[in-house]
Protein backbone atom coordinates (compact mmCIF):
# COMPACT_ATOMS: atom_id res chain seq x y z
CA MET A 1 0.41 -78.68 -65.92
CA SER A 2 2.94 -78.07 -63.18
CA ASN A 3 6.59 -77.07 -63.14
CA ASN A 4 8.96 -79.26 -61.15
CA GLN A 5 12.10 -77.16 -61.52
CA PRO A 6 14.41 -77.32 -58.50
CA GLU A 7 14.62 -74.13 -56.45
CA PRO A 8 17.29 -71.90 -58.05
CA ILE A 9 20.46 -71.23 -56.11
CA PHE A 10 19.77 -67.49 -55.73
CA GLY A 11 15.97 -67.74 -55.60
CA ARG A 12 13.54 -66.54 -58.26
CA LEU A 13 12.74 -62.90 -57.48
CA LEU A 14 15.79 -60.66 -57.30
CA THR A 15 16.27 -56.93 -57.77
CA ALA A 16 19.35 -55.12 -58.97
CA MET A 17 19.26 -52.60 -56.13
CA ILE A 18 20.06 -48.93 -56.62
CA THR A 19 22.75 -47.34 -54.44
CA PRO A 20 21.46 -44.53 -52.21
CA PHE A 21 23.45 -41.32 -51.92
CA GLY A 22 22.96 -38.47 -49.50
CA SER A 23 22.43 -34.83 -50.39
CA ASN A 24 26.20 -34.41 -50.45
CA GLY A 25 26.58 -37.23 -52.96
CA GLU A 26 28.15 -39.61 -50.44
CA LEU A 27 27.09 -43.21 -49.92
CA ASP A 28 24.10 -43.46 -47.56
CA LEU A 29 24.38 -46.83 -45.85
CA GLY A 30 21.43 -46.23 -43.57
CA GLU A 31 19.08 -45.71 -46.48
CA ALA A 32 20.61 -48.69 -48.27
CA VAL A 33 19.78 -50.89 -45.29
CA ARG A 34 16.28 -49.46 -45.13
CA LEU A 35 15.68 -50.13 -48.83
CA ALA A 36 17.16 -53.65 -48.74
CA THR A 37 15.01 -54.52 -45.73
CA HIS A 38 11.91 -53.16 -47.49
CA LEU A 39 12.61 -55.21 -50.62
CA VAL A 40 13.15 -58.42 -48.70
CA ASP A 41 10.68 -58.15 -45.83
CA GLU A 42 7.85 -56.18 -47.44
CA LEU A 43 8.07 -57.03 -51.15
CA GLY A 44 9.18 -60.62 -50.68
CA HIS A 45 12.44 -60.73 -52.58
CA ASP A 46 14.54 -63.88 -52.57
CA GLY A 47 17.71 -61.95 -53.25
CA LEU A 48 19.39 -58.68 -54.15
CA VAL A 49 22.15 -57.81 -56.57
CA ILE A 50 24.37 -55.16 -55.04
CA ASN A 51 26.90 -53.05 -56.97
CA GLY A 52 25.45 -53.84 -60.36
CA THR A 53 25.15 -51.21 -63.04
CA THR A 54 21.71 -50.25 -61.71
CA GLY A 55 23.65 -49.66 -58.49
CA GLU A 56 25.87 -47.22 -60.42
CA SER A 57 28.93 -49.40 -60.01
CA PRO A 58 30.95 -47.42 -62.60
CA THR A 59 30.78 -44.39 -60.27
CA THR A 60 31.46 -46.01 -56.88
CA SER A 61 34.87 -46.73 -55.43
CA ASP A 62 36.01 -50.19 -54.40
CA ALA A 63 35.82 -49.10 -50.75
CA GLU A 64 32.23 -47.90 -51.23
CA LYS A 65 31.34 -51.17 -52.92
CA ARG A 66 32.66 -53.12 -49.96
CA ALA A 67 30.92 -50.93 -47.37
CA LEU A 68 27.59 -51.20 -49.21
CA LEU A 69 27.87 -54.95 -49.60
CA GLU A 70 28.74 -55.49 -45.94
CA ALA A 71 25.84 -53.29 -44.78
CA VAL A 72 23.29 -55.12 -46.94
CA ILE A 73 24.59 -58.57 -45.97
CA GLU A 74 24.37 -57.67 -42.30
CA ALA A 75 20.82 -56.37 -42.78
CA VAL A 76 19.23 -59.12 -44.89
CA GLY A 77 21.85 -61.77 -45.60
CA ASP A 78 20.26 -64.22 -43.18
CA ARG A 79 17.02 -64.32 -45.19
CA ALA A 80 17.92 -63.40 -48.77
CA SER A 81 20.75 -64.15 -51.16
CA VAL A 82 23.12 -61.26 -51.77
CA VAL A 83 24.88 -61.33 -55.14
CA ALA A 84 27.76 -58.91 -55.67
CA GLY A 85 28.26 -57.21 -59.00
CA VAL A 86 31.98 -57.39 -59.69
CA GLY A 87 32.18 -57.05 -63.47
CA THR A 88 34.55 -54.60 -65.12
CA PHE A 89 36.43 -54.53 -68.42
CA ASP A 90 39.66 -55.35 -66.56
CA THR A 91 40.08 -59.00 -65.58
CA HIS A 92 42.50 -58.28 -62.74
CA HIS A 93 40.21 -55.62 -61.27
CA THR A 94 37.23 -57.96 -61.59
CA VAL A 95 39.12 -60.64 -59.65
CA ARG A 96 40.02 -58.13 -56.92
CA LEU A 97 36.38 -57.10 -56.57
CA ALA A 98 35.34 -60.76 -56.49
CA GLU A 99 37.84 -61.46 -53.72
CA GLN A 100 36.51 -58.46 -51.81
CA ALA A 101 32.93 -59.69 -52.24
CA ALA A 102 33.86 -63.14 -50.95
CA GLU A 103 35.54 -61.61 -47.91
CA ALA A 104 32.41 -59.53 -47.25
CA GLY A 105 30.25 -62.67 -47.24
CA ALA A 106 28.44 -62.46 -50.59
CA ASP A 107 26.48 -65.49 -51.74
CA GLY A 108 27.48 -65.15 -55.37
CA LEU A 109 29.01 -62.98 -58.07
CA LEU A 110 27.47 -61.21 -61.06
CA VAL A 111 30.10 -60.87 -63.80
CA VAL A 112 29.16 -58.79 -66.83
CA THR A 113 30.68 -59.14 -70.27
CA PRO A 114 33.74 -56.85 -70.42
CA TYR A 115 32.29 -53.75 -72.00
CA TYR A 116 33.59 -51.49 -74.77
CA SER A 117 36.78 -53.46 -75.45
CA ARG A 118 34.93 -56.26 -77.30
CA PRO A 119 37.38 -59.11 -76.58
CA PRO A 120 37.44 -62.05 -79.01
CA VAL A 121 35.65 -65.23 -77.99
CA ASP A 122 38.67 -67.01 -76.51
CA ALA A 123 39.58 -63.97 -74.39
CA LEU A 124 35.98 -63.49 -73.33
CA GLU A 125 35.75 -67.05 -72.09
CA ALA A 126 39.14 -66.75 -70.36
CA HIS A 127 37.90 -63.66 -68.50
CA PHE A 128 34.93 -65.51 -67.02
CA LEU A 129 36.94 -68.65 -66.29
CA THR A 130 39.64 -66.67 -64.49
CA VAL A 131 37.08 -65.29 -62.06
CA ALA A 132 35.40 -68.66 -61.55
CA ASP A 133 38.74 -70.41 -61.06
CA GLN A 134 40.00 -68.02 -58.41
CA ILE A 135 36.90 -67.33 -56.30
CA GLU A 136 34.94 -70.09 -54.59
CA LEU A 137 31.53 -68.52 -55.08
CA PRO A 138 28.83 -69.34 -57.63
CA VAL A 139 28.94 -67.06 -60.67
CA MET A 140 26.08 -65.51 -62.62
CA LEU A 141 27.17 -64.31 -66.06
CA TYR A 142 25.55 -61.11 -67.32
CA ASP A 143 24.83 -61.23 -71.05
CA ILE A 144 23.82 -57.73 -72.19
CA PRO A 145 25.14 -57.11 -75.69
CA HIS A 146 23.41 -53.79 -76.29
CA ARG A 147 25.50 -52.28 -73.49
CA ALA A 148 28.60 -54.46 -73.45
CA GLY A 149 29.04 -54.26 -77.21
CA ILE A 150 29.10 -58.03 -77.81
CA PRO A 151 26.94 -61.02 -76.86
CA ILE A 152 28.23 -64.09 -75.07
CA PRO A 153 27.90 -66.59 -77.93
CA GLU A 154 25.70 -69.64 -77.42
CA GLU A 155 28.62 -72.04 -77.79
CA SER A 156 30.62 -70.04 -75.24
CA LEU A 157 27.79 -70.24 -72.72
CA ILE A 158 27.54 -73.98 -73.30
CA ARG A 159 31.29 -74.43 -72.74
CA LEU A 160 31.34 -72.11 -69.71
CA ALA A 161 28.51 -74.12 -68.15
CA ASP A 162 30.96 -76.98 -67.70
CA HIS A 163 32.69 -74.99 -64.96
CA PRO A 164 31.25 -76.08 -61.60
CA ARG A 165 30.98 -72.51 -60.30
CA ILE A 166 29.41 -70.91 -63.39
CA VAL A 167 25.80 -71.62 -62.56
CA ALA A 168 23.54 -68.86 -63.86
CA VAL A 169 22.97 -66.20 -66.50
CA LYS A 170 21.32 -62.81 -66.21
CA ASP A 171 19.90 -62.74 -69.70
CA ALA A 172 19.41 -59.34 -71.33
CA LYS A 173 20.20 -60.57 -74.83
CA GLY A 174 16.59 -60.32 -75.94
CA ASP A 175 16.84 -63.45 -78.10
CA ILE A 176 14.49 -66.09 -76.75
CA ALA A 177 15.55 -68.64 -79.37
CA SER A 178 19.19 -68.30 -78.35
CA SER A 179 18.29 -68.61 -74.68
CA SER A 180 16.24 -71.71 -75.48
CA VAL A 181 19.24 -73.38 -77.12
CA VAL A 182 21.47 -72.81 -74.10
CA LEU A 183 18.78 -73.88 -71.64
CA ALA A 184 18.24 -77.08 -73.59
CA ARG A 185 21.94 -77.96 -73.59
CA THR A 186 23.06 -76.91 -70.10
CA THR A 187 21.93 -76.80 -66.50
CA LEU A 188 22.46 -73.03 -66.27
CA THR A 189 19.85 -71.12 -64.26
CA TYR A 190 18.49 -68.29 -66.39
CA TYR A 191 17.19 -65.00 -64.99
CA ALA A 192 15.49 -62.36 -67.10
CA GLY A 193 17.66 -59.25 -67.17
CA ASP A 194 14.81 -57.23 -68.64
CA ASP A 195 11.63 -57.26 -66.57
CA ALA A 196 9.33 -57.67 -69.58
CA TYR A 197 11.33 -60.72 -70.68
CA LEU A 198 10.36 -62.71 -67.58
CA LEU A 199 7.30 -64.62 -68.77
CA PRO A 200 8.73 -65.58 -72.18
CA LEU A 201 11.89 -66.81 -70.45
CA LEU A 202 9.90 -68.85 -67.92
CA ALA A 203 8.16 -70.51 -70.85
CA VAL A 204 11.45 -71.96 -72.15
CA GLY A 205 12.82 -73.00 -68.77
CA GLY A 206 14.01 -69.78 -67.13
CA ALA A 207 14.01 -69.49 -63.36
CA GLY A 208 13.10 -65.90 -62.54
CA VAL A 209 14.19 -62.30 -62.84
CA VAL A 210 16.86 -59.86 -61.74
CA GLY A 211 14.58 -56.88 -62.03
CA THR A 212 14.57 -53.09 -62.01
CA SER A 213 10.89 -52.17 -61.77
CA THR A 214 10.78 -54.81 -59.03
CA HIS A 215 11.85 -52.07 -56.62
CA PHE A 216 8.10 -51.39 -56.79
CA THR A 217 6.51 -54.40 -58.51
CA GLY A 218 8.04 -57.19 -56.45
CA ALA A 219 4.74 -58.62 -55.23
CA GLN A 220 3.14 -58.51 -58.69
CA THR A 221 6.22 -60.06 -60.29
CA ARG A 222 6.17 -62.82 -57.69
CA GLY A 223 2.58 -63.46 -58.71
CA VAL A 224 3.55 -63.96 -62.35
CA ILE A 225 6.28 -66.43 -61.39
CA GLU A 226 4.15 -68.40 -58.95
CA ALA A 227 1.17 -68.65 -61.30
CA PHE A 228 3.39 -69.97 -64.09
CA LEU A 229 5.14 -72.47 -61.84
CA ALA A 230 1.77 -73.68 -60.56
CA GLY A 231 0.77 -74.46 -64.14
CA ASP A 232 -1.81 -71.67 -64.38
CA VAL A 233 -0.49 -70.13 -67.58
CA ASP A 234 -3.64 -68.11 -68.22
CA ARG A 235 -3.34 -66.51 -64.80
CA ALA A 236 0.36 -65.82 -65.38
CA ARG A 237 -0.46 -64.13 -68.68
CA GLN A 238 -3.17 -62.03 -67.03
CA LEU A 239 -0.87 -60.90 -64.21
CA ASN A 240 1.91 -60.20 -66.67
CA ALA A 241 -0.40 -58.03 -68.74
CA GLU A 242 -1.38 -56.07 -65.64
CA VAL A 243 2.22 -55.27 -64.70
CA LEU A 244 3.70 -54.97 -68.20
CA ALA A 245 3.38 -51.19 -68.35
CA ALA A 246 5.52 -50.89 -65.22
CA PHE A 247 8.02 -53.45 -66.54
CA ARG A 248 8.49 -51.31 -69.63
CA GLY A 249 7.95 -47.87 -68.12
CA VAL A 250 10.94 -48.09 -65.79
CA PHE A 251 13.10 -47.92 -68.91
CA ALA A 252 11.42 -44.84 -70.37
CA THR A 253 14.69 -43.25 -69.37
CA GLN A 254 17.83 -44.73 -67.82
CA GLY A 255 16.70 -47.34 -65.27
CA ALA A 256 18.65 -46.24 -62.19
CA MET A 257 17.57 -42.64 -62.75
CA MET A 258 13.92 -43.64 -62.97
CA VAL A 259 14.01 -45.90 -59.93
CA LYS A 260 15.72 -43.29 -57.79
CA ALA A 261 13.34 -40.52 -58.84
CA ALA A 262 10.30 -42.70 -58.14
CA LEU A 263 11.64 -43.95 -54.79
CA ASN A 264 12.28 -40.37 -53.72
CA ARG A 265 8.64 -39.60 -54.46
CA ARG A 266 7.45 -42.72 -52.61
CA GLY A 267 8.94 -42.10 -49.19
CA PHE A 268 12.60 -42.97 -49.57
CA ALA A 269 15.56 -40.60 -49.68
CA VAL A 270 17.98 -42.25 -52.08
CA GLY A 271 19.38 -39.11 -53.67
CA GLU A 272 20.26 -38.57 -57.29
CA CYS A 273 22.49 -40.51 -59.61
CA ARG A 274 26.12 -39.53 -59.85
CA PRO A 275 27.23 -37.91 -63.12
CA PRO A 276 27.07 -38.55 -65.98
CA MET A 277 23.55 -39.67 -65.11
CA GLY A 278 21.15 -36.80 -64.52
CA ARG A 279 17.57 -36.13 -63.51
CA VAL A 280 14.42 -37.60 -64.98
CA ALA A 281 12.30 -35.11 -66.90
CA PRO A 282 9.26 -34.26 -64.74
CA GLU A 283 6.73 -35.36 -67.33
CA VAL A 284 8.49 -38.72 -67.80
CA LEU A 285 8.55 -39.32 -64.06
CA GLU A 286 4.88 -38.41 -63.68
CA ARG A 287 3.91 -40.90 -66.38
CA PHE A 288 5.81 -43.67 -64.60
CA LEU A 289 4.32 -42.76 -61.23
CA ASP A 290 0.85 -42.89 -62.81
CA VAL A 291 1.64 -46.38 -64.08
CA LEU A 292 2.77 -47.45 -60.62
CA ASP A 293 -0.36 -46.01 -59.04
CA GLN A 294 -2.43 -48.19 -61.35
CA THR A 295 -0.25 -51.28 -60.87
CA VAL A 296 0.99 -51.57 -57.28
């Protein structure tokens, strides 16, 4: 068996990159460039999502978002896709961030479901369509109901797929049957939004992952994808089993907190998360580092 899927627009292995801060809590662009270069050149990433929620976008200013995006694009934009997280629960603000991302040279936009406000279906669809209508960049929708408060309904995803610039979904819904329905009825490119969801999603036509543990497990995750696409499902299952503890362990506490704490212990200086996020309990961090030592 082999998989003849066309190469996805943003690639297959992406990471939602954390945002480094210095000891004073200010944006550290030098460390951001260092980390982005490491992910692309050493761990083999096809792309990065910048200013997503793993990048602590609720705590960074619009000016910081632009500076970070420009620095990463300059560093790796010639050899990896750079997708800008622009989602907010304010349509006008989302459009402004999308315009800023386009001006900075982003390859695409990640637009999350407006969170907390729980708009009705017609308003939810209008939010996404407004962004896609006004910005000439491909859009990846982010479906994460356990954080946004509502799912993007299957029928909405199918209708939204008719828009020429709505091309992908970061799928953190955790409902493989629902994802299967949309994949069967659209040409949307689906990325796992939960690392452990990657192999099941590939099995129903998904393209890859926008990962969190992939700050560390990029090479192993690439192996899972390539084995599956080559038709070696047994090998893909074996590799997935070997990395599954890391896929799950990164979420033993809040993901950005865990990634930053582990990176700081592995030779980077990315600082701490801005409040209200805090520090990882030492015993939780040690367990995750033990998992990484056994995995990567």
